[in-house]
PDB file of all heavy atoms in Angstrom:
ATOM      1  N   ARG A   1      26.353   9.097  29.030  1.00  0.00           N
ATOM      2  CA  ARG A   1      26.277  10.507  28.644  1.00  0.00           C
ATOM      3  C   ARG A   1      25.716  11.357  29.775  1.00  0.00           C
ATOM      4  O   ARG A   1      26.125  12.502  29.954  1.00  0.00           O
ATOM      5  CB  ARG A   1      25.408  10.673  27.405  1.00  0.00           C
ATOM      6  CG  ARG A   1      26.021  10.144  26.121  1.00  0.00           C
ATOM      7  CD  ARG A   1      25.046  10.314  24.970  1.00  0.00           C
ATOM      8  NE  ARG A   1      24.640  11.698  24.833  1.00  0.00           N
ATOM      9  CZ  ARG A   1      23.599  12.095  24.106  1.00  0.00           C
ATOM     10  NH1 ARG A   1      22.841  11.201  23.493  1.00  0.00           N
ATOM     11  NH2 ARG A   1      23.302  13.369  24.013  1.00  0.00           N
ATOM     12  N   VAL A   2      24.779  10.794  30.526  1.00  0.00           N
ATOM     13  CA  VAL A   2      24.164  11.542  31.625  1.00  0.00           C
ATOM     14  C   VAL A   2      25.052  11.516  32.866  1.00  0.00           C
ATOM     15  O   VAL A   2      25.280  12.547  33.509  1.00  0.00           O
ATOM     16  CB  VAL A   2      22.771  10.966  31.954  1.00  0.00           C
ATOM     17  CG1 VAL A   2      22.172  11.664  33.155  1.00  0.00           C
ATOM     18  CG2 VAL A   2      21.853  11.090  30.747  1.00  0.00           C
ATOM     19  N   SER A   3      25.549  10.319  33.219  1.00  0.00           N
ATOM     20  CA  SER A   3      26.279  10.159  34.486  1.00  0.00           C
ATOM     21  C   SER A   3      27.763  10.447  34.373  1.00  0.00           C
ATOM     22  O   SER A   3      28.397  10.826  35.351  1.00  0.00           O
ATOM     23  CB  SER A   3      26.096   8.737  35.010  1.00  0.00           C
ATOM     24  OG  SER A   3      26.694   7.805  34.116  1.00  0.00           O
ATOM     25  N   ARG A   4      28.338  10.217  33.150  1.00  0.00           N
ATOM     26  CA  ARG A   4      29.769  10.407  32.908  1.00  0.00           C
ATOM     27  C   ARG A   4      30.616   9.484  33.772  1.00  0.00           C
ATOM     28  O   ARG A   4      31.748   9.828  34.145  1.00  0.00           O
ATOM     29  CB  ARG A   4      30.178  11.876  33.105  1.00  0.00           C
ATOM     30  CG  ARG A   4      29.342  12.855  32.319  1.00  0.00           C
ATOM     31  CD  ARG A   4      29.948  14.237  32.277  1.00  0.00           C
ATOM     32  NE  ARG A   4      30.252  14.777  33.587  1.00  0.00           N
ATOM     33  CZ  ARG A   4      29.365  15.337  34.396  1.00  0.00           C
ATOM     34  NH1 ARG A   4      28.098  15.416  34.004  1.00  0.00           N
ATOM     35  NH2 ARG A   4      29.714  15.830  35.574  1.00  0.00           N
ATOM     36  N   ILE A   5      30.078   8.311  34.134  1.00  0.00           N
ATOM     37  CA  ILE A   5      30.778   7.322  34.946  1.00  0.00           C
ATOM     38  C   ILE A   5      31.470   6.323  34.016  1.00  0.00           C
ATOM     39  O   ILE A   5      30.817   5.669  33.200  1.00  0.00           O
ATOM     40  CB  ILE A   5      29.803   6.601  35.885  1.00  0.00           C
ATOM     41  CG1 ILE A   5      29.188   7.609  36.861  1.00  0.00           C
ATOM     42  CG2 ILE A   5      30.497   5.503  36.658  1.00  0.00           C
ATOM     43  CD1 ILE A   5      28.136   7.020  37.758  1.00  0.00           C
ATOM     44  N   VAL A   6      32.785   6.192  34.148  1.00  0.00           N
ATOM     45  CA  VAL A   6      33.584   5.379  33.228  1.00  0.00           C
ATOM     46  C   VAL A   6      33.155   3.917  33.192  1.00  0.00           C
ATOM     47  O   VAL A   6      33.111   3.317  32.114  1.00  0.00           O
ATOM     48  CB  VAL A   6      35.081   5.508  33.575  1.00  0.00           C
ATOM     49  CG1 VAL A   6      35.915   4.567  32.719  1.00  0.00           C
ATOM     50  CG2 VAL A   6      35.540   6.947  33.375  1.00  0.00           C
ATOM     51  N   PRO A   7      32.824   3.258  34.328  1.00  0.00           N
ATOM     52  CA  PRO A   7      32.390   1.857  34.251  1.00  0.00           C
ATOM     53  C   PRO A   7      31.221   1.630  33.302  1.00  0.00           C
ATOM     54  O   PRO A   7      31.166   0.601  32.628  1.00  0.00           O
ATOM     55  CB  PRO A   7      32.002   1.530  35.698  1.00  0.00           C
ATOM     56  CG  PRO A   7      32.854   2.422  36.521  1.00  0.00           C
ATOM     57  CD  PRO A   7      32.975   3.690  35.739  1.00  0.00           C
ATOM     58  N   LEU A   8      30.305   2.582  33.226  1.00  0.00           N
ATOM     59  CA  LEU A   8      29.189   2.439  32.288  1.00  0.00           C
ATOM     60  C   LEU A   8      29.679   2.438  30.849  1.00  0.00           C
ATOM     61  O   LEU A   8      29.138   1.722  30.001  1.00  0.00           O
ATOM     62  CB  LEU A   8      28.173   3.567  32.496  1.00  0.00           C
ATOM     63  CG  LEU A   8      27.175   3.404  33.635  1.00  0.00           C
ATOM     64  CD1 LEU A   8      26.258   4.620  33.719  1.00  0.00           C
ATOM     65  CD2 LEU A   8      26.352   2.147  33.443  1.00  0.00           C
ATOM     66  N   LEU A   9      30.681   3.249  30.562  1.00  0.00           N
ATOM     67  CA  LEU A   9      31.240   3.283  29.208  1.00  0.00           C
ATOM     68  C   LEU A   9      31.871   1.939  28.871  1.00  0.00           C
ATOM     69  O   LEU A   9      31.684   1.413  27.755  1.00  0.00           O
ATOM     70  CB  LEU A   9      32.266   4.402  29.098  1.00  0.00           C
ATOM     71  CG  LEU A   9      32.952   4.552  27.736  1.00  0.00           C
ATOM     72  CD1 LEU A   9      31.932   4.883  26.663  1.00  0.00           C
ATOM     73  CD2 LEU A   9      34.030   5.628  27.804  1.00  0.00           C
ATOM     74  N   LEU A  10      32.619   1.354  29.806  1.00  0.00           N
ATOM     75  CA  LEU A  10      33.241   0.047  29.563  1.00  0.00           C
ATOM     76  C   LEU A  10      32.183  -1.030  29.347  1.00  0.00           C
ATOM     77  O   LEU A  10      32.319  -1.887  28.461  1.00  0.00           O
ATOM     78  CB  LEU A  10      34.131  -0.325  30.748  1.00  0.00           C
ATOM     79  CG  LEU A  10      35.382   0.539  30.948  1.00  0.00           C
ATOM     80  CD1 LEU A  10      36.100   0.141  32.228  1.00  0.00           C
ATOM     81  CD2 LEU A  10      36.317   0.409  29.750  1.00  0.00           C
ATOM     82  N   LEU A  11      31.120  -0.993  30.142  1.00  0.00           N
ATOM     83  CA  LEU A  11      30.062  -1.991  29.998  1.00  0.00           C
ATOM     84  C   LEU A  11      29.326  -1.821  28.670  1.00  0.00           C
ATOM     85  O   LEU A  11      28.987  -2.809  28.004  1.00  0.00           O
ATOM     86  CB  LEU A  11      29.088  -1.882  31.168  1.00  0.00           C
ATOM     87  CG  LEU A  11      28.094  -3.034  31.332  1.00  0.00           C
ATOM     88  CD1 LEU A  11      28.828  -4.355  31.533  1.00  0.00           C
ATOM     89  CD2 LEU A  11      27.155  -2.764  32.498  1.00  0.00           C
ATOM     90  N   ALA A  12      29.080  -0.577  28.275  1.00  0.00           N
ATOM     91  CA  ALA A  12      28.414  -0.322  26.991  1.00  0.00           C
ATOM     92  C   ALA A  12      29.276  -0.842  25.838  1.00  0.00           C
ATOM     93  O   ALA A  12      28.757  -1.465  24.893  1.00  0.00           O
ATOM     94  CB  ALA A  12      28.150   1.177  26.836  1.00  0.00           C
ATOM     95  N   CYS A  13      30.585  -0.601  25.896  1.00  0.00           N
ATOM     96  CA  CYS A  13      31.496  -1.087  24.848  1.00  0.00           C
ATOM     97  C   CYS A  13      31.514  -2.616  24.808  1.00  0.00           C
ATOM     98  O   CYS A  13      31.587  -3.218  23.729  1.00  0.00           O
ATOM     99  CB  CYS A  13      32.900  -0.555  25.086  1.00  0.00           C
ATOM    100  SG  CYS A  13      33.068   1.224  24.817  1.00  0.00           S
ATOM    101  N   THR A  14      31.437  -3.247  25.983  1.00  0.00           N
ATOM    102  CA  THR A  14      31.428  -4.715  26.048  1.00  0.00           C
ATOM    103  C   THR A  14      30.224  -5.278  25.313  1.00  0.00           C
ATOM    104  O   THR A  14      30.346  -6.213  24.506  1.00  0.00           O
ATOM    105  CB  THR A  14      31.415  -5.172  27.520  1.00  0.00           C
ATOM    106  OG1 THR A  14      32.607  -4.712  28.154  1.00  0.00           O
ATOM    107  CG2 THR A  14      31.335  -6.679  27.605  1.00  0.00           C
ATOM    108  N   PHE A  15      29.042  -4.705  25.579  1.00  0.00           N
ATOM    109  CA  PHE A  15      27.830  -5.217  24.923  1.00  0.00           C
ATOM    110  C   PHE A  15      27.818  -4.873  23.435  1.00  0.00           C
ATOM    111  O   PHE A  15      27.331  -5.668  22.615  1.00  0.00           O
ATOM    112  CB  PHE A  15      26.582  -4.652  25.613  1.00  0.00           C
ATOM    113  CG  PHE A  15      26.153  -5.454  26.812  1.00  0.00           C
ATOM    114  CD1 PHE A  15      26.584  -5.113  28.079  1.00  0.00           C
ATOM    115  CD2 PHE A  15      25.338  -6.568  26.666  1.00  0.00           C
ATOM    116  CE1 PHE A  15      26.200  -5.860  29.188  1.00  0.00           C
ATOM    117  CE2 PHE A  15      24.952  -7.327  27.763  1.00  0.00           C
ATOM    118  CZ  PHE A  15      25.391  -6.973  29.030  1.00  0.00           C
ATOM    119  N   LEU A  16      28.366  -3.722  23.078  1.00  0.00           N
ATOM    120  CA  LEU A  16      28.412  -3.380  21.652  1.00  0.00           C
ATOM    121  C   LEU A  16      29.342  -4.328  20.908  1.00  0.00           C
ATOM    122  O   LEU A  16      28.993  -4.836  19.821  1.00  0.00           O
ATOM    123  CB  LEU A  16      28.889  -1.932  21.490  1.00  0.00           C
ATOM    124  CG  LEU A  16      29.042  -1.449  20.048  1.00  0.00           C
ATOM    125  CD1 LEU A  16      27.715  -1.534  19.298  1.00  0.00           C
ATOM    126  CD2 LEU A  16      29.592  -0.022  20.014  1.00  0.00           C
ATOM    127  N   LEU A  17      30.519  -4.584  21.469  1.00  0.00           N
ATOM    128  CA  LEU A  17      31.456  -5.503  20.821  1.00  0.00           C
ATOM    129  C   LEU A  17      30.885  -6.914  20.760  1.00  0.00           C
ATOM    130  O   LEU A  17      31.017  -7.607  19.744  1.00  0.00           O
ATOM    131  CB  LEU A  17      32.784  -5.499  21.590  1.00  0.00           C
ATOM    132  CG  LEU A  17      33.898  -6.378  21.012  1.00  0.00           C
ATOM    133  CD1 LEU A  17      34.224  -5.964  19.577  1.00  0.00           C
ATOM    134  CD2 LEU A  17      35.142  -6.313  21.888  1.00  0.00           C
ATOM    135  N   THR A  18      30.217  -7.350  21.828  1.00  0.00           N
ATOM    136  CA  THR A  18      29.586  -8.676  21.830  1.00  0.00           C
ATOM    137  C   THR A  18      28.527  -8.773  20.749  1.00  0.00           C
ATOM    138  O   THR A  18      28.429  -9.789  20.036  1.00  0.00           O
ATOM    139  CB  THR A  18      28.951  -8.934  23.213  1.00  0.00           C
ATOM    140  OG1 THR A  18      29.975  -8.903  24.203  1.00  0.00           O
ATOM    141  CG2 THR A  18      28.270 -10.282  23.240  1.00  0.00           C
ATOM    142  N   GLY A  19      27.716  -7.718  20.616  1.00  0.00           N
ATOM    143  CA  GLY A  19      26.681  -7.726  19.572  1.00  0.00           C
ATOM    144  C   GLY A  19      27.264  -7.796  18.172  1.00  0.00           C
ATOM    145  O   GLY A  19      26.765  -8.531  17.306  1.00  0.00           O
ATOM    146  N   LEU A  20      28.348  -7.031  17.933  1.00  0.00           N
ATOM    147  CA  LEU A  20      28.966  -7.035  16.600  1.00  0.00           C
ATOM    148  C   LEU A  20      29.603  -8.391  16.285  1.00  0.00           C
ATOM    149  O   LEU A  20      29.465  -8.908  15.158  1.00  0.00           O
ATOM    150  CB  LEU A  20      30.017  -5.926  16.526  1.00  0.00           C
ATOM    151  CG  LEU A  20      29.484  -4.491  16.590  1.00  0.00           C
ATOM    152  CD1 LEU A  20      30.630  -3.491  16.634  1.00  0.00           C
ATOM    153  CD2 LEU A  20      28.568  -4.198  15.397  1.00  0.00           C
ATOM    154  N   LEU A  21      30.284  -8.991  17.274  1.00  0.00           N
ATOM    155  CA  LEU A  21      30.928 -10.290  17.035  1.00  0.00           C
ATOM    156  C   LEU A  21      29.886 -11.397  16.863  1.00  0.00           C
ATOM    157  O   LEU A  21      30.076 -12.310  16.037  1.00  0.00           O
ATOM    158  CB  LEU A  21      31.869 -10.624  18.193  1.00  0.00           C
ATOM    159  CG  LEU A  21      33.129  -9.758  18.292  1.00  0.00           C
ATOM    160  CD1 LEU A  21      33.945 -10.137  19.517  1.00  0.00           C
ATOM    161  CD2 LEU A  21      33.973  -9.892  17.026  1.00  0.00           C
ATOM    162  N   SER A  22      28.804 -11.339  17.630  1.00  0.00           N
ATOM    163  CA  SER A  22      27.759 -12.354  17.452  1.00  0.00           C
ATOM    164  C   SER A  22      27.067 -12.188  16.104  1.00  0.00           C
ATOM    165  O   SER A  22      26.631 -13.172  15.491  1.00  0.00           O
ATOM    166  CB  SER A  22      26.744 -12.274  18.595  1.00  0.00           C
ATOM    167  OG  SER A  22      26.150 -10.985  18.666  1.00  0.00           O
ATOM    168  N   LEU A  23      26.991 -10.947  15.609  1.00  0.00           N
ATOM    169  CA  LEU A  23      26.448 -10.725  14.273  1.00  0.00           C
ATOM    170  C   LEU A  23      27.364 -11.350  13.212  1.00  0.00           C
ATOM    171  O   LEU A  23      26.879 -12.028  12.282  1.00  0.00           O
ATOM    172  CB  LEU A  23      26.293  -9.220  14.020  1.00  0.00           C
ATOM    173  CG  LEU A  23      25.894  -8.810  12.594  1.00  0.00           C
ATOM    174  CD1 LEU A  23      24.517  -9.399  12.230  1.00  0.00           C
ATOM    175  CD2 LEU A  23      25.872  -7.286  12.449  1.00  0.00           C
ATOM    176  N   CYS A  24      28.653 -11.120  13.351  1.00  0.00           N
ATOM    177  CA  CYS A  24      29.605 -11.728  12.408  1.00  0.00           C
ATOM    178  C   CYS A  24      29.540 -13.256  12.487  1.00  0.00           C
ATOM    179  O   CYS A  24      29.623 -13.950  11.456  1.00  0.00           O
ATOM    180  CB  CYS A  24      31.022 -11.242  12.708  1.00  0.00           C
ATOM    181  SG  CYS A  24      31.280  -9.471  12.430  1.00  0.00           S
ATOM    182  N   TYR A  25      29.398 -13.795  13.701  1.00  0.00           N
ATOM    183  CA  TYR A  25      29.275 -15.247  13.877  1.00  0.00           C
ATOM    184  C   TYR A  25      28.035 -15.780  13.169  1.00  0.00           C
ATOM    185  O   TYR A  25      28.081 -16.829  12.496  1.00  0.00           O
ATOM    186  CB  TYR A  25      29.226 -15.560  15.377  1.00  0.00           C
ATOM    187  CG  TYR A  25      28.974 -17.006  15.697  1.00  0.00           C
ATOM    188  CD1 TYR A  25      29.917 -17.985  15.413  1.00  0.00           C
ATOM    189  CD2 TYR A  25      27.779 -17.403  16.296  1.00  0.00           C
ATOM    190  CE1 TYR A  25      29.694 -19.321  15.718  1.00  0.00           C
ATOM    191  CE2 TYR A  25      27.540 -18.736  16.610  1.00  0.00           C
ATOM    192  CZ  TYR A  25      28.500 -19.688  16.316  1.00  0.00           C
ATOM    193  OH  TYR A  25      28.271 -21.015  16.610  1.00  0.00           O
ATOM    194  N   LEU A  26      26.922 -15.060  13.306  1.00  0.00           N
ATOM    195  CA  LEU A  26      25.683 -15.469  12.632  1.00  0.00           C
ATOM    196  C   LEU A  26      25.867 -15.452  11.114  1.00  0.00           C
ATOM    197  O   LEU A  26      25.446 -16.388  10.408  1.00  0.00           O
ATOM    198  CB  LEU A  26      24.537 -14.537  13.035  1.00  0.00           C
ATOM    199  CG  LEU A  26      23.213 -14.712  12.286  1.00  0.00           C
ATOM    200  CD1 LEU A  26      22.633 -16.098  12.542  1.00  0.00           C
ATOM    201  CD2 LEU A  26      22.214 -13.630  12.701  1.00  0.00           C
ATOM    202  N   LEU A  27      26.509 -14.395  10.592  1.00  0.00           N
ATOM    203  CA  LEU A  27      26.724 -14.303   9.139  1.00  0.00           C
ATOM    204  C   LEU A  27      27.617 -15.432   8.651  1.00  0.00           C
ATOM    205  O   LEU A  27      27.396 -16.004   7.572  1.00  0.00           O
ATOM    206  CB  LEU A  27      27.348 -12.943   8.798  1.00  0.00           C
ATOM    207  CG  LEU A  27      26.490 -11.710   9.088  1.00  0.00           C
ATOM    208  CD1 LEU A  27      27.259 -10.436   8.774  1.00  0.00           C
ATOM    209  CD2 LEU A  27      25.191 -11.757   8.274  1.00  0.00           C
ATOM    210  N   ALA A  28      28.644 -15.761   9.434  1.00  0.00           N
ATOM    211  CA  ALA A  28      29.564 -16.832   9.025  1.00  0.00           C
ATOM    212  C   ALA A  28      28.882 -18.194   9.077  1.00  0.00           C
ATOM    213  O   ALA A  28      29.055 -19.030   8.169  1.00  0.00           O
ATOM    214  CB  ALA A  28      30.802 -16.824   9.919  1.00  0.00           C
ATOM    215  N   LEU A  29      28.105 -18.440  10.108  1.00  0.00           N
ATOM    216  CA  LEU A  29      27.484 -19.749  10.279  1.00  0.00           C
ATOM    217  C   LEU A  29      26.351 -19.979   9.281  1.00  0.00           C
ATOM    218  O   LEU A  29      26.040 -21.122   8.935  1.00  0.00           O
ATOM    219  CB  LEU A  29      26.953 -19.896  11.717  1.00  0.00           C
ATOM    220  CG  LEU A  29      26.813 -21.328  12.231  1.00  0.00           C
ATOM    221  CD1 LEU A  29      28.170 -22.021  12.235  1.00  0.00           C
ATOM    222  CD2 LEU A  29      26.217 -21.336  13.637  1.00  0.00           C
ATOM    223  N   THR A  30      25.745 -18.909   8.804  1.00  0.00           N
ATOM    224  CA  THR A  30      24.657 -19.041   7.820  1.00  0.00           C
ATOM    225  C   THR A  30      25.156 -18.783   6.402  1.00  0.00           C
ATOM    226  O   THR A  30      24.336 -18.549   5.494  1.00  0.00           O
ATOM    227  CB  THR A  30      23.528 -18.056   8.170  1.00  0.00           C
ATOM    228  OG1 THR A  30      24.065 -16.729   8.262  1.00  0.00           O
ATOM    229  CG2 THR A  30      22.855 -18.426   9.484  1.00  0.00           C
ATOM    230  N   ASP A  31      26.497 -18.775   6.218  1.00  0.00           N
ATOM    231  CA  ASP A  31      27.103 -18.609   4.886  1.00  0.00           C
ATOM    232  C   ASP A  31      26.686 -17.306   4.212  1.00  0.00           C
ATOM    233  O   ASP A  31      26.475 -17.249   2.992  1.00  0.00           O
ATOM    234  CB  ASP A  31      26.737 -19.796   3.977  1.00  0.00           C
ATOM    235  CG  ASP A  31      27.281 -21.102   4.502  1.00  0.00           C
ATOM    236  OD1 ASP A  31      28.374 -21.078   5.108  1.00  0.00           O
ATOM    237  OD2 ASP A  31      26.592 -22.134   4.354  1.00  0.00           O
ATOM    238  N   MET A  32      26.576 -16.237   5.004  1.00  0.00           N
ATOM    239  CA  MET A  32      26.194 -14.940   4.440  1.00  0.00           C
ATOM    240  C   MET A  32      27.401 -14.023   4.258  1.00  0.00           C
ATOM    241  O   MET A  32      27.267 -12.905   3.772  1.00  0.00           O
ATOM    242  CB  MET A  32      25.156 -14.250   5.330  1.00  0.00           C
ATOM    243  CG  MET A  32      23.843 -15.021   5.421  1.00  0.00           C
ATOM    244  SD  MET A  32      22.577 -14.151   6.359  1.00  0.00           S
ATOM    245  CE  MET A  32      22.247 -12.741   5.304  1.00  0.00           C
ATOM    246  N   LEU A  33      28.591 -14.486   4.653  1.00  0.00           N
ATOM    247  CA  LEU A  33      29.813 -13.750   4.332  1.00  0.00           C
ATOM    248  C   LEU A  33      30.223 -14.068   2.902  1.00  0.00           C
ATOM    249  O   LEU A  33      29.807 -15.091   2.336  1.00  0.00           O
ATOM    250  CB  LEU A  33      30.928 -14.130   5.309  1.00  0.00           C
ATOM    251  CG  LEU A  33      30.791 -13.619   6.751  1.00  0.00           C
ATOM    252  CD1 LEU A  33      31.930 -14.155   7.610  1.00  0.00           C
ATOM    253  CD2 LEU A  33      30.788 -12.089   6.778  1.00  0.00           C
TER     254      LEU A  33
END
């Protein structure tokens, strides 16, 4: 938001998607789905 540099946006999306998928993995592995 401050720098408006596209690579930062791609990196932020990568970590957000990784966090969401690892959350789904945790829910599936602990039978919380």
